[in-house]
Amino acid sequence: MTYDNNQGGNQQAFDKLLALTAKKMGMSPQMLKNKLESGQMNAMINKAAASDPALAKALSDPAAAQRLLRDPAAAKLISSFLKKN
């Protein structure tokens, strides 16, 4: 996943989102960007979903995924999982 730098304000919004997400995950924005671009994040998510049917169902249903992402407990769990991998 790459992001087109020619989109001006969109790039700034993306950078802010990347920085906020990285901070919540306990890593640098560059590390998160590298993991996203290399597909490591997808592999970690797929691995977690394979071992948890509820997570797999939530990820296959966009509305359920949104609810999951808004849940502070789920965010903490995801963050701790990502730090381990």
N, C-alpha and C. Protein backbone atom coordinates (compact mmCIF):
# COMPACT_ATOMS: atom_id res chain seq x y z
N MET A 1 0.86 -1.17 0.00
CA MET A 1 0.00 0.00 0.00
C MET A 1 0.90 1.23 0.00
N THR A 2 0.76 2.02 -1.01
CA THR A 2 1.50 3.28 -1.06
C THR A 2 0.51 4.41 -1.13
N TYR A 3 0.97 5.57 -0.79
CA TYR A 3 0.08 6.72 -0.78
C TYR A 3 0.66 7.78 -1.67
N ASP A 4 -0.15 8.31 -2.56
CA ASP A 4 0.29 9.31 -3.53
C ASP A 4 0.53 10.64 -2.84
N ASN A 5 1.77 11.09 -2.87
CA ASN A 5 2.14 12.35 -2.23
C ASN A 5 1.58 13.58 -2.95
N ASN A 6 1.02 13.42 -4.12
CA ASN A 6 0.52 14.56 -4.88
C ASN A 6 -0.87 15.00 -4.46
N GLN A 7 -1.41 14.44 -3.41
CA GLN A 7 -2.79 14.77 -3.04
C GLN A 7 -2.86 15.83 -1.94
N GLY A 8 -1.79 16.55 -1.70
CA GLY A 8 -1.80 17.71 -0.80
C GLY A 8 -2.37 17.45 0.56
N GLY A 9 -3.54 18.03 0.84
CA GLY A 9 -4.18 17.92 2.14
C GLY A 9 -4.46 16.49 2.54
N ASN A 10 -4.73 15.63 1.58
CA ASN A 10 -4.96 14.23 1.90
C ASN A 10 -3.71 13.60 2.49
N GLN A 11 -2.55 14.00 1.99
CA GLN A 11 -1.30 13.46 2.53
C GLN A 11 -1.11 13.90 3.98
N GLN A 12 -1.44 15.14 4.27
CA GLN A 12 -1.32 15.62 5.65
C GLN A 12 -2.26 14.86 6.57
N ALA A 13 -3.48 14.63 6.13
CA ALA A 13 -4.45 13.88 6.93
C ALA A 13 -3.95 12.44 7.13
N PHE A 14 -3.41 11.86 6.07
CA PHE A 14 -2.88 10.50 6.16
C PHE A 14 -1.73 10.44 7.16
N ASP A 15 -0.82 11.41 7.09
CA ASP A 15 0.33 11.44 8.00
C ASP A 15 -0.12 11.57 9.46
N LYS A 16 -1.13 12.39 9.70
CA LYS A 16 -1.64 12.55 11.07
C LYS A 16 -2.28 11.26 11.56
N LEU A 17 -3.05 10.62 10.69
CA LEU A 17 -3.69 9.35 11.06
C LEU A 17 -2.63 8.28 11.31
N LEU A 18 -1.63 8.24 10.47
CA LEU A 18 -0.55 7.28 10.62
C LEU A 18 0.18 7.50 11.96
N ALA A 19 0.47 8.75 12.28
CA ALA A 19 1.17 9.08 13.53
C ALA A 19 0.32 8.70 14.74
N LEU A 20 -0.97 9.01 14.70
CA LEU A 20 -1.86 8.69 15.82
C LEU A 20 -1.98 7.18 16.00
N THR A 21 -2.16 6.47 14.91
CA THR A 21 -2.29 5.02 14.97
C THR A 21 -1.01 4.38 15.48
N ALA A 22 0.12 4.85 14.97
CA ALA A 22 1.41 4.30 15.39
C ALA A 22 1.62 4.53 16.88
N LYS A 23 1.28 5.71 17.36
CA LYS A 23 1.44 6.02 18.78
C LYS A 23 0.61 5.06 19.63
N LYS A 24 -0.63 4.83 19.22
CA LYS A 24 -1.50 3.94 19.97
C LYS A 24 -1.00 2.50 19.95
N MET A 25 -0.24 2.16 18.90
CA MET A 25 0.28 0.81 18.77
C MET A 25 1.68 0.67 19.37
N GLY A 26 2.23 1.79 19.85
CA GLY A 26 3.54 1.73 20.48
C GLY A 26 4.69 1.58 19.51
N MET A 27 4.56 2.15 18.32
CA MET A 27 5.64 2.09 17.34
C MET A 27 5.74 3.42 16.63
N SER A 28 6.81 3.59 15.88
CA SER A 28 6.99 4.84 15.15
C SER A 28 6.09 4.84 13.91
N PRO A 29 5.75 6.03 13.41
CA PRO A 29 4.96 6.10 12.18
C PRO A 29 5.66 5.39 11.01
N GLN A 30 6.97 5.51 10.95
CA GLN A 30 7.71 4.86 9.85
C GLN A 30 7.63 3.34 9.97
N MET A 31 7.72 2.82 11.19
CA MET A 31 7.63 1.38 11.38
C MET A 31 6.25 0.88 10.96
N LEU A 32 5.20 1.60 11.36
CA LEU A 32 3.84 1.21 10.97
C LEU A 32 3.69 1.27 9.45
N LYS A 33 4.18 2.33 8.85
CA LYS A 33 4.09 2.48 7.39
C LYS A 33 4.81 1.31 6.70
N ASN A 34 5.99 0.95 7.19
CA ASN A 34 6.73 -0.17 6.62
C ASN A 34 5.96 -1.48 6.74
N LYS A 35 5.34 -1.70 7.91
CA LYS A 35 4.56 -2.92 8.12
C LYS A 35 3.35 -2.96 7.18
N LEU A 36 2.70 -1.82 7.01
CA LEU A 36 1.55 -1.75 6.11
C LEU A 36 1.96 -2.01 4.67
N GLU A 37 3.04 -1.38 4.25
CA GLU A 37 3.49 -1.51 2.86
C GLU A 37 4.02 -2.91 2.55
N SER A 38 4.59 -3.57 3.54
CA SER A 38 5.16 -4.90 3.31
C SER A 38 4.13 -6.02 3.43
N GLY A 39 2.94 -5.68 3.93
CA GLY A 39 1.91 -6.70 4.10
C GLY A 39 1.97 -7.41 5.45
N GLN A 40 2.90 -7.01 6.31
CA GLN A 40 3.02 -7.65 7.62
C GLN A 40 1.75 -7.48 8.45
N MET A 41 1.11 -6.34 8.36
CA MET A 41 -0.10 -6.11 9.14
C MET A 41 -1.20 -7.06 8.67
N ASN A 42 -1.33 -7.24 7.37
CA ASN A 42 -2.35 -8.16 6.86
C ASN A 42 -2.09 -9.57 7.36
N ALA A 43 -0.83 -9.99 7.36
CA ALA A 43 -0.50 -11.33 7.82
C ALA A 43 -0.85 -11.50 9.30
N MET A 44 -0.56 -10.49 10.11
CA MET A 44 -0.88 -10.57 11.54
C MET A 44 -2.38 -10.62 11.76
N ILE A 45 -3.12 -9.81 11.02
CA ILE A 45 -4.58 -9.79 11.17
C ILE A 45 -5.17 -11.13 10.72
N ASN A 46 -4.68 -11.65 9.59
CA ASN A 46 -5.17 -12.94 9.10
C ASN A 46 -4.86 -14.06 10.08
N LYS A 47 -3.68 -14.03 10.69
CA LYS A 47 -3.29 -15.04 11.67
C LYS A 47 -4.22 -14.97 12.88
N ALA A 48 -4.50 -13.77 13.35
CA ALA A 48 -5.40 -13.61 14.50
C ALA A 48 -6.81 -14.06 14.16
N ALA A 49 -7.28 -13.72 12.97
CA ALA A 49 -8.63 -14.09 12.55
C ALA A 49 -8.77 -15.60 12.40
N ALA A 50 -7.70 -16.26 11.95
CA ALA A 50 -7.75 -17.71 11.77
C ALA A 50 -7.94 -18.44 13.10
N SER A 51 -7.43 -17.85 14.17
CA SER A 51 -7.54 -18.51 15.46
C SER A 51 -8.73 -18.02 16.29
N ASP A 52 -9.48 -17.05 15.77
CA ASP A 52 -10.60 -16.49 16.51
C ASP A 52 -11.80 -16.30 15.58
N PRO A 53 -12.76 -17.24 15.61
CA PRO A 53 -13.91 -17.14 14.71
C PRO A 53 -14.70 -15.83 14.86
N ALA A 54 -14.78 -15.29 16.07
CA ALA A 54 -15.52 -14.04 16.27
C ALA A 54 -14.81 -12.89 15.56
N LEU A 55 -13.50 -12.87 15.62
CA LEU A 55 -12.74 -11.83 14.92
C LEU A 55 -12.89 -12.01 13.42
N ALA A 56 -12.82 -13.23 12.93
CA ALA A 56 -12.98 -13.49 11.50
C ALA A 56 -14.35 -13.00 11.02
N LYS A 57 -15.38 -13.26 11.81
CA LYS A 57 -16.74 -12.81 11.44
C LYS A 57 -16.80 -11.28 11.43
N ALA A 58 -16.21 -10.66 12.45
CA ALA A 58 -16.24 -9.20 12.52
C ALA A 58 -15.51 -8.58 11.34
N LEU A 59 -14.39 -9.17 10.95
CA LEU A 59 -13.62 -8.61 9.84
C LEU A 59 -14.29 -8.82 8.49
N SER A 60 -15.16 -9.85 8.40
CA SER A 60 -15.85 -10.09 7.14
C SER A 60 -17.13 -9.24 7.02
N ASP A 61 -17.55 -8.63 8.11
CA ASP A 61 -18.73 -7.78 8.13
C ASP A 61 -18.29 -6.35 8.44
N PRO A 62 -18.34 -5.43 7.45
CA PRO A 62 -17.84 -4.07 7.67
C PRO A 62 -18.46 -3.36 8.87
N ALA A 63 -19.74 -3.54 9.10
CA ALA A 63 -20.38 -2.88 10.24
C ALA A 63 -19.84 -3.44 11.56
N ALA A 64 -19.66 -4.75 11.60
CA ALA A 64 -19.11 -5.37 12.81
C ALA A 64 -17.66 -4.95 13.03
N ALA A 65 -16.91 -4.83 11.95
CA ALA A 65 -15.51 -4.38 12.06
C ALA A 65 -15.45 -2.96 12.62
N GLN A 66 -16.35 -2.09 12.18
CA GLN A 66 -16.39 -0.72 12.70
C GLN A 66 -16.70 -0.72 14.18
N ARG A 67 -17.66 -1.54 14.60
CA ARG A 67 -17.99 -1.62 16.03
C ARG A 67 -16.79 -2.13 16.83
N LEU A 68 -16.10 -3.12 16.27
CA LEU A 68 -14.93 -3.66 16.94
C LEU A 68 -13.84 -2.60 17.09
N LEU A 69 -13.62 -1.82 16.05
CA LEU A 69 -12.57 -0.81 16.09
C LEU A 69 -12.90 0.32 17.06
N ARG A 70 -14.17 0.53 17.34
CA ARG A 70 -14.58 1.59 18.29
C ARG A 70 -14.52 1.13 19.74
N ASP A 71 -14.38 -0.16 19.96
CA ASP A 71 -14.37 -0.71 21.32
C ASP A 71 -12.97 -0.55 21.93
N PRO A 72 -12.85 0.23 23.03
CA PRO A 72 -11.53 0.45 23.64
C PRO A 72 -10.84 -0.84 24.07
N ALA A 73 -11.60 -1.80 24.57
CA ALA A 73 -11.00 -3.07 24.99
C ALA A 73 -10.43 -3.81 23.79
N ALA A 74 -11.15 -3.79 22.67
CA ALA A 74 -10.66 -4.44 21.46
C ALA A 74 -9.41 -3.74 20.94
N ALA A 75 -9.40 -2.42 20.99
CA ALA A 75 -8.23 -1.67 20.53
C ALA A 75 -7.01 -2.02 21.37
N LYS A 76 -7.20 -2.15 22.68
CA LYS A 76 -6.10 -2.50 23.57
C LYS A 76 -5.60 -3.91 23.26
N LEU A 77 -6.51 -4.84 23.02
CA LEU A 77 -6.14 -6.20 22.70
C LEU A 77 -5.37 -6.27 21.38
N ILE A 78 -5.87 -5.58 20.38
CA ILE A 78 -5.19 -5.55 19.08
C ILE A 78 -3.80 -4.94 19.23
N SER A 79 -3.72 -3.86 19.97
CA SER A 79 -2.43 -3.21 20.19
C SER A 79 -1.44 -4.15 20.87
N SER A 80 -1.88 -4.87 21.89
CA SER A 80 -0.97 -5.77 22.59
C SER A 80 -0.56 -6.92 21.69
N PHE A 81 -1.48 -7.40 20.85
CA PHE A 81 -1.15 -8.48 19.90
C PHE A 81 -0.11 -8.00 18.90
N LEU A 82 -0.29 -6.80 18.37
CA LEU A 82 0.62 -6.28 17.37
C LEU A 82 2.01 -6.03 17.94
N LYS A 83 2.07 -5.64 19.21
CA LYS A 83 3.38 -5.41 19.84
C LYS A 83 4.15 -6.71 19.99
N LYS A 84 3.44 -7.82 20.17
CA LYS A 84 4.08 -9.12 20.34
C LYS A 84 4.62 -9.65 19.03
N ASN A 85 4.06 -9.21 17.90
CA ASN A 85 4.44 -9.76 16.60
C ASN A 85 5.29 -8.82 15.85
